[in-house]
Protein backbone atom coordinates (compact mmCIF):
# COMPACT_ATOMS: atom_id res chain seq x y z
CA MET A 1 -51.08 13.96 51.89
CA THR A 2 -48.46 12.38 49.60
CA GLU A 3 -47.26 12.64 45.99
CA THR A 4 -50.19 10.45 44.96
CA GLY A 5 -52.87 12.15 46.99
CA VAL A 6 -54.63 12.01 50.32
CA GLN A 7 -54.32 8.43 51.49
CA PRO A 8 -57.39 6.44 52.50
CA ASN A 9 -57.86 5.87 56.21
CA PRO A 10 -60.49 3.48 57.58
CA ALA A 11 -60.90 5.78 60.58
CA TYR A 12 -62.36 8.55 58.41
CA LYS A 13 -65.94 7.88 59.49
CA GLN A 14 -68.24 10.47 60.98
CA THR A 15 -71.29 10.15 63.10
CA ALA A 16 -74.45 11.81 61.87
CA SER A 17 -73.96 14.65 64.37
CA GLU A 18 -70.33 15.20 63.41
CA GLY A 19 -71.11 15.15 59.70
CA ALA A 20 -74.15 17.38 59.83
CA GLY A 21 -73.75 20.39 57.57
CA ARG A 22 -70.40 19.22 56.21
CA PRO A 23 -69.42 16.86 53.39
CA SER A 24 -68.23 13.44 54.46
CA LEU A 25 -64.47 13.25 54.98
CA LEU A 26 -64.38 10.30 52.61
CA ASP A 27 -66.25 12.26 49.94
CA TRP A 28 -63.90 15.19 50.49
CA GLN A 29 -60.92 12.87 50.27
CA GLU A 30 -62.15 11.38 47.00
CA ARG A 31 -62.70 14.83 45.53
CA LEU A 32 -59.20 15.90 46.50
CA ASN A 33 -57.66 12.79 44.96
CA ALA A 34 -59.60 13.36 41.73
CA SER A 35 -58.54 17.02 41.43
CA SER A 36 -56.26 18.39 38.73
CA GLY A 37 -53.81 19.53 41.41
CA CYS A 38 -53.44 16.01 42.78
CA ARG A 39 -52.98 14.70 39.25
CA ALA A 40 -50.26 17.30 38.60
CA ILE A 41 -48.36 16.29 41.73
CA ALA A 42 -48.61 12.66 40.63
CA LEU A 43 -47.16 13.60 37.23
CA ARG A 44 -44.22 15.32 38.91
CA GLY A 45 -43.72 12.25 41.06
CA ARG A 46 -43.63 10.06 37.97
CA VAL A 47 -40.76 12.11 36.54
CA LYS A 48 -38.80 11.55 39.75
CA ARG A 49 -39.44 7.81 39.80
CA ILE A 50 -38.43 7.35 36.17
CA GLY A 51 -35.19 9.17 36.85
CA TYR A 52 -34.55 7.31 40.11
CA VAL A 53 -34.27 3.92 38.39
CA PHE A 54 -31.34 5.22 36.34
CA GLN A 55 -29.69 7.35 39.01
CA GLY A 56 -29.93 4.54 41.56
CA ASN A 57 -27.94 2.23 39.30
CA VAL A 58 -25.38 4.97 38.64
CA ALA A 59 -25.03 5.48 42.40
CA GLN A 60 -24.24 1.79 42.89
CA TYR A 61 -21.62 1.89 40.13
CA LYS A 62 -19.97 4.99 41.57
CA SER A 63 -20.15 3.54 45.08
CA LEU A 64 -17.98 0.62 43.98
CA VAL A 65 -15.43 3.07 42.60
CA ALA A 66 -15.55 5.15 45.78
CA GLU A 67 -14.90 2.10 47.97
CA LEU A 68 -11.78 1.30 45.96
CA GLN A 69 -10.23 4.65 46.84
CA ASN A 70 -9.62 3.21 50.30
CA PRO A 71 -6.28 1.34 50.12
CA ALA A 72 -7.45 -0.99 52.87
CA VAL A 73 -10.21 -2.17 50.52
CA SER A 74 -8.46 -2.08 47.16
CA GLY A 75 -5.01 -3.23 48.30
CA PRO A 76 -5.88 -6.90 48.85
CA ILE A 77 -7.98 -6.98 45.65
CA LEU A 78 -5.18 -5.55 43.51
CA ASP A 79 -2.49 -7.73 45.01
CA VAL A 80 -0.72 -9.53 42.14
CA HIS A 81 -1.18 -12.80 44.00
CA ASN A 82 -4.98 -12.34 44.11
CA SER A 83 -5.96 -12.66 40.48
CA GLU A 84 -9.30 -14.23 41.43
CA GLY A 85 -10.21 -11.24 43.59
CA HIS A 86 -9.36 -8.82 40.79
CA ASP A 87 -11.39 -10.87 38.29
CA GLN A 88 -14.37 -10.75 40.64
CA LEU A 89 -13.98 -6.98 40.91
CA LEU A 90 -14.03 -6.58 37.14
CA SER A 91 -17.05 -8.88 36.88
CA GLU A 92 -18.87 -6.69 39.39
CA ALA A 93 -17.87 -3.56 37.47
CA GLU A 94 -19.24 -5.09 34.28
CA ARG A 95 -22.49 -6.11 35.99
CA LEU A 96 -23.06 -2.64 37.38
CA LEU A 97 -22.21 -0.96 34.08
CA HIS A 98 -24.69 -3.29 32.36
CA ASN A 99 -27.38 -2.17 34.82
CA VAL A 100 -26.54 1.50 34.27
CA LEU A 101 -26.85 1.21 30.49
CA MET A 102 -30.09 -0.77 30.60
CA ALA A 103 -31.59 1.70 33.07
CA MET A 104 -30.44 4.56 30.85
CA SER A 105 -32.41 3.10 27.95
CA THR A 106 -35.42 2.48 30.20
CA ARG A 107 -35.38 6.10 31.39
CA VAL A 108 -35.33 7.45 27.84
CA ASP A 109 -38.12 5.17 26.61
CA GLN A 110 -40.37 5.60 29.65
CA GLN A 111 -39.96 9.37 29.68
CA ARG A 112 -40.81 9.61 25.99
CA CYS A 113 -43.97 7.53 26.48
CA PHE A 114 -44.87 9.56 29.56
CA MET A 115 -44.65 12.83 27.64
CA GLU A 116 -46.63 11.52 24.69
CA GLU A 117 -49.36 10.12 26.93
CA HIS A 118 -49.86 13.17 29.14
CA PHE A 119 -48.68 16.21 27.17
CA GLN A 120 -49.22 15.43 23.50
CA ASP A 121 -51.75 18.28 23.21
CA ASP A 122 -49.41 20.84 24.79
CA LEU A 123 -47.35 21.77 21.75
CA ALA A 124 -45.30 24.39 23.58
CA LEU A 125 -44.19 21.97 26.29
CA MET A 126 -43.54 19.15 23.81
CA ASN A 127 -41.41 21.45 21.66
CA GLU A 128 -39.43 22.55 24.72
CA TYR A 129 -38.99 18.93 25.76
CA ARG A 130 -37.84 17.75 22.34
CA GLY A 131 -35.56 20.74 21.90
CA LYS A 132 -33.78 20.04 25.19
CA VAL A 133 -33.44 16.36 24.33
CA VAL A 134 -31.68 17.31 21.11
CA SER A 135 -29.43 19.96 22.62
CA MET A 136 -28.43 17.94 25.69
CA PHE A 137 -28.32 14.36 24.38
CA THR A 138 -29.01 13.78 20.69
CA ASP A 139 -26.04 15.86 19.54
CA ASP A 140 -23.74 14.78 22.40
CA VAL A 141 -21.14 12.25 21.30
CA GLU A 142 -20.70 10.71 24.77
CA ALA A 143 -24.45 10.16 25.05
CA LYS A 144 -24.39 8.54 21.61
CA PHE A 145 -21.52 6.33 22.73
CA LEU A 146 -23.39 5.11 25.81
CA LYS A 147 -26.42 4.32 23.66
CA GLY A 148 -24.18 2.43 21.25
CA LEU A 149 -22.48 0.64 24.15
CA ARG A 150 -25.87 -0.50 25.36
CA ASN A 151 -26.51 -2.02 21.91
CA TYR A 152 -23.03 -3.56 21.96
CA ILE A 153 -23.83 -5.28 25.26
CA THR A 154 -27.23 -6.43 24.00
CA HIS A 155 -26.13 -7.76 20.62
CA ALA A 156 -22.46 -8.65 21.06
CA GLU A 157 -20.90 -9.08 24.52
CA LEU A 158 -20.12 -7.40 27.80
CA PRO A 159 -17.34 -4.84 27.30
CA VAL A 160 -13.94 -5.83 28.63
CA ALA A 161 -13.49 -3.87 31.87
CA GLN A 162 -10.08 -3.01 33.26
CA SER A 163 -9.00 -1.20 36.40
CA ARG A 164 -6.60 1.71 36.20
CA GLN A 165 -4.50 2.75 39.18
CA THR A 166 -2.85 6.17 39.46
CA PHE A 167 -0.33 6.79 42.21
CA SER A 168 1.56 9.83 43.40
CA ARG A 169 3.06 11.02 46.66
CA GLU A 170 -0.14 12.90 47.46
CA SER A 171 -2.89 10.79 45.89
CA PHE A 172 -4.13 7.34 45.07
CA GLU A 173 -6.89 6.80 42.51
CA ILE A 174 -8.56 3.79 40.95
CA THR A 175 -11.10 3.83 38.14
CA PHE A 176 -12.49 1.53 35.46
CA THR A 177 -11.72 1.71 31.76
CA LEU A 178 -12.84 -0.03 28.57
CA PRO A 179 -10.02 -0.91 26.15
CA ALA A 180 -10.65 0.67 22.77
CA GLU A 181 -9.39 -2.18 20.59
CA PRO A 182 -12.10 -4.75 21.44
CA LEU A 183 -14.78 -2.09 21.03
CA LEU A 184 -13.50 -1.04 17.63
CA ALA A 185 -13.70 -4.65 16.44
CA TRP A 186 -17.50 -4.29 16.46
CA SER A 187 -18.74 -3.28 13.02
CA ARG A 188 -21.90 -1.45 14.05
CA TRP A 189 -20.36 1.77 15.36
CA SER A 190 -21.10 4.85 13.28
CA GLY A 191 -18.18 6.66 11.72
CA GLU A 192 -18.50 9.44 14.28
CA LEU A 193 -18.40 7.06 17.24
CA ARG A 194 -15.58 4.98 15.76
CA ALA A 195 -13.52 8.16 15.46
CA TRP A 196 -14.43 9.21 19.01
CA ILE A 197 -13.45 5.82 20.47
CA ALA A 198 -10.14 5.87 18.61
CA GLY A 199 -9.54 9.40 19.85
CA GLN A 200 -9.74 8.30 23.49
CA GLY A 201 -6.41 6.50 23.19
CA GLU A 202 -5.91 2.96 24.41
CA ALA A 203 -8.92 2.99 26.73
CA ILE A 204 -12.07 4.93 27.60
CA VAL A 205 -12.43 6.07 31.21
CA ILE A 206 -15.98 4.82 31.36
CA VAL A 207 -16.67 5.98 34.92
CA ASP A 208 -16.17 9.60 33.84
CA VAL A 209 -18.43 9.17 30.80
CA VAL A 210 -21.21 7.67 32.92
CA ASP A 211 -20.83 10.39 35.56
CA THR A 212 -21.08 13.19 32.97
CA TYR A 213 -24.19 11.67 31.41
CA ALA A 214 -25.84 11.07 34.79
CA ARG A 215 -25.31 14.70 35.79
CA LYS A 216 -26.91 15.90 32.56
CA ALA A 217 -29.81 13.47 32.96
CA GLY A 218 -30.34 14.74 36.49
CA GLU A 219 -30.37 18.35 35.28
CA PHE A 220 -32.84 17.45 32.54
CA ASP A 221 -35.19 15.61 34.90
CA LYS A 222 -35.07 18.51 37.36
CA TRP A 223 -36.02 20.88 34.53
CA LEU A 224 -38.94 18.66 33.49
CA PHE A 225 -40.15 18.30 37.09
CA GLU A 226 -40.12 22.08 37.54
CA ARG A 227 -41.66 22.71 34.12
CA ILE A 228 -44.63 20.48 34.93
CA ALA A 229 -44.97 22.23 38.30
CA LEU A 230 -45.05 25.58 36.49
CA LYS A 231 -47.71 24.39 34.05
CA TYR A 232 -50.01 23.34 36.88
CA ARG A 233 -48.93 25.85 39.51
CA SER A 234 -52.38 27.29 40.21
CA ASP A 235 -53.99 23.83 40.38
CA ILE A 236 -51.30 22.59 42.75
CA ASP A 237 -51.66 25.66 44.97
CA VAL A 238 -55.42 25.17 45.22
CA TYR A 239 -54.97 21.49 46.01
CA LEU A 240 -52.35 22.07 48.69
CA ARG A 241 -54.46 24.74 50.40
CA GLU A 242 -57.45 22.43 50.49
CA CYS A 243 -55.28 19.62 51.85
CA VAL A 244 -54.38 21.87 54.77
CA GLU A 245 -58.10 22.45 55.41
CA PHE A 246 -58.79 18.74 55.09
CA ASP A 247 -56.03 17.80 57.56
CA ARG A 248 -57.25 20.47 59.99
CA GLU A 249 -60.77 19.05 59.84
CA VAL A 250 -59.48 15.51 60.39
CA ASP A 251 -57.54 16.67 63.44
CA ARG A 252 -60.62 18.50 64.76
CA VAL A 253 -62.92 15.52 64.29
CA PHE A 254 -60.56 12.86 65.63
CA GLY A 255 -58.74 14.98 68.19
CA GLY A 256 -55.31 14.83 66.50
């Protein structure tokens, strides 16, 4: 049994004697896969897959940053005599940030369509969903900035990425930033976002902004996954119990 139901198996065939007095395993399998419990588990799985597209791109972006914390990796790239290597690093940072922002937009749009398709008649759940969207994202200035940055990339250009190195006797840190001046040259920022960008100083530490948003998105998706599980808890419990019976019967018939 998986997130999408009991998987077909060509070996699920019974002789007349084995099937006497019992429903066919294939018929049983089809009934399980058509049950409301199986559908509920599939809906939960859809929430996870929508979120994974975004979180997977964030993980790649953060992985690049993590690799740079090793001086053996970052040292040759940041060498003043290796301008080509540093340019390639910034190009990769821009590519990965582009993917993060596009996946962020995809997650929002797909999740909205998913909710409207499957839960439009559940007013309580839809109100909870919309309320959490507003409280966690709609009124959050960093979330608004990332949405605006996605539009900036789509309609203007890739943001200018820079690396920032911080050294001390005890630590060594590298991150990526976006200079504020080129961003502010774009006329389509709202007054709120223009003020926020200017308030970040010379540059925005974009890695931190992405990380904060990704954590909140993960918390939100976990809430939605659990909320759907709660809505269909009894159906899921019935389905899982019958799956145990089904698997036991398969093992009995085929000697597993």
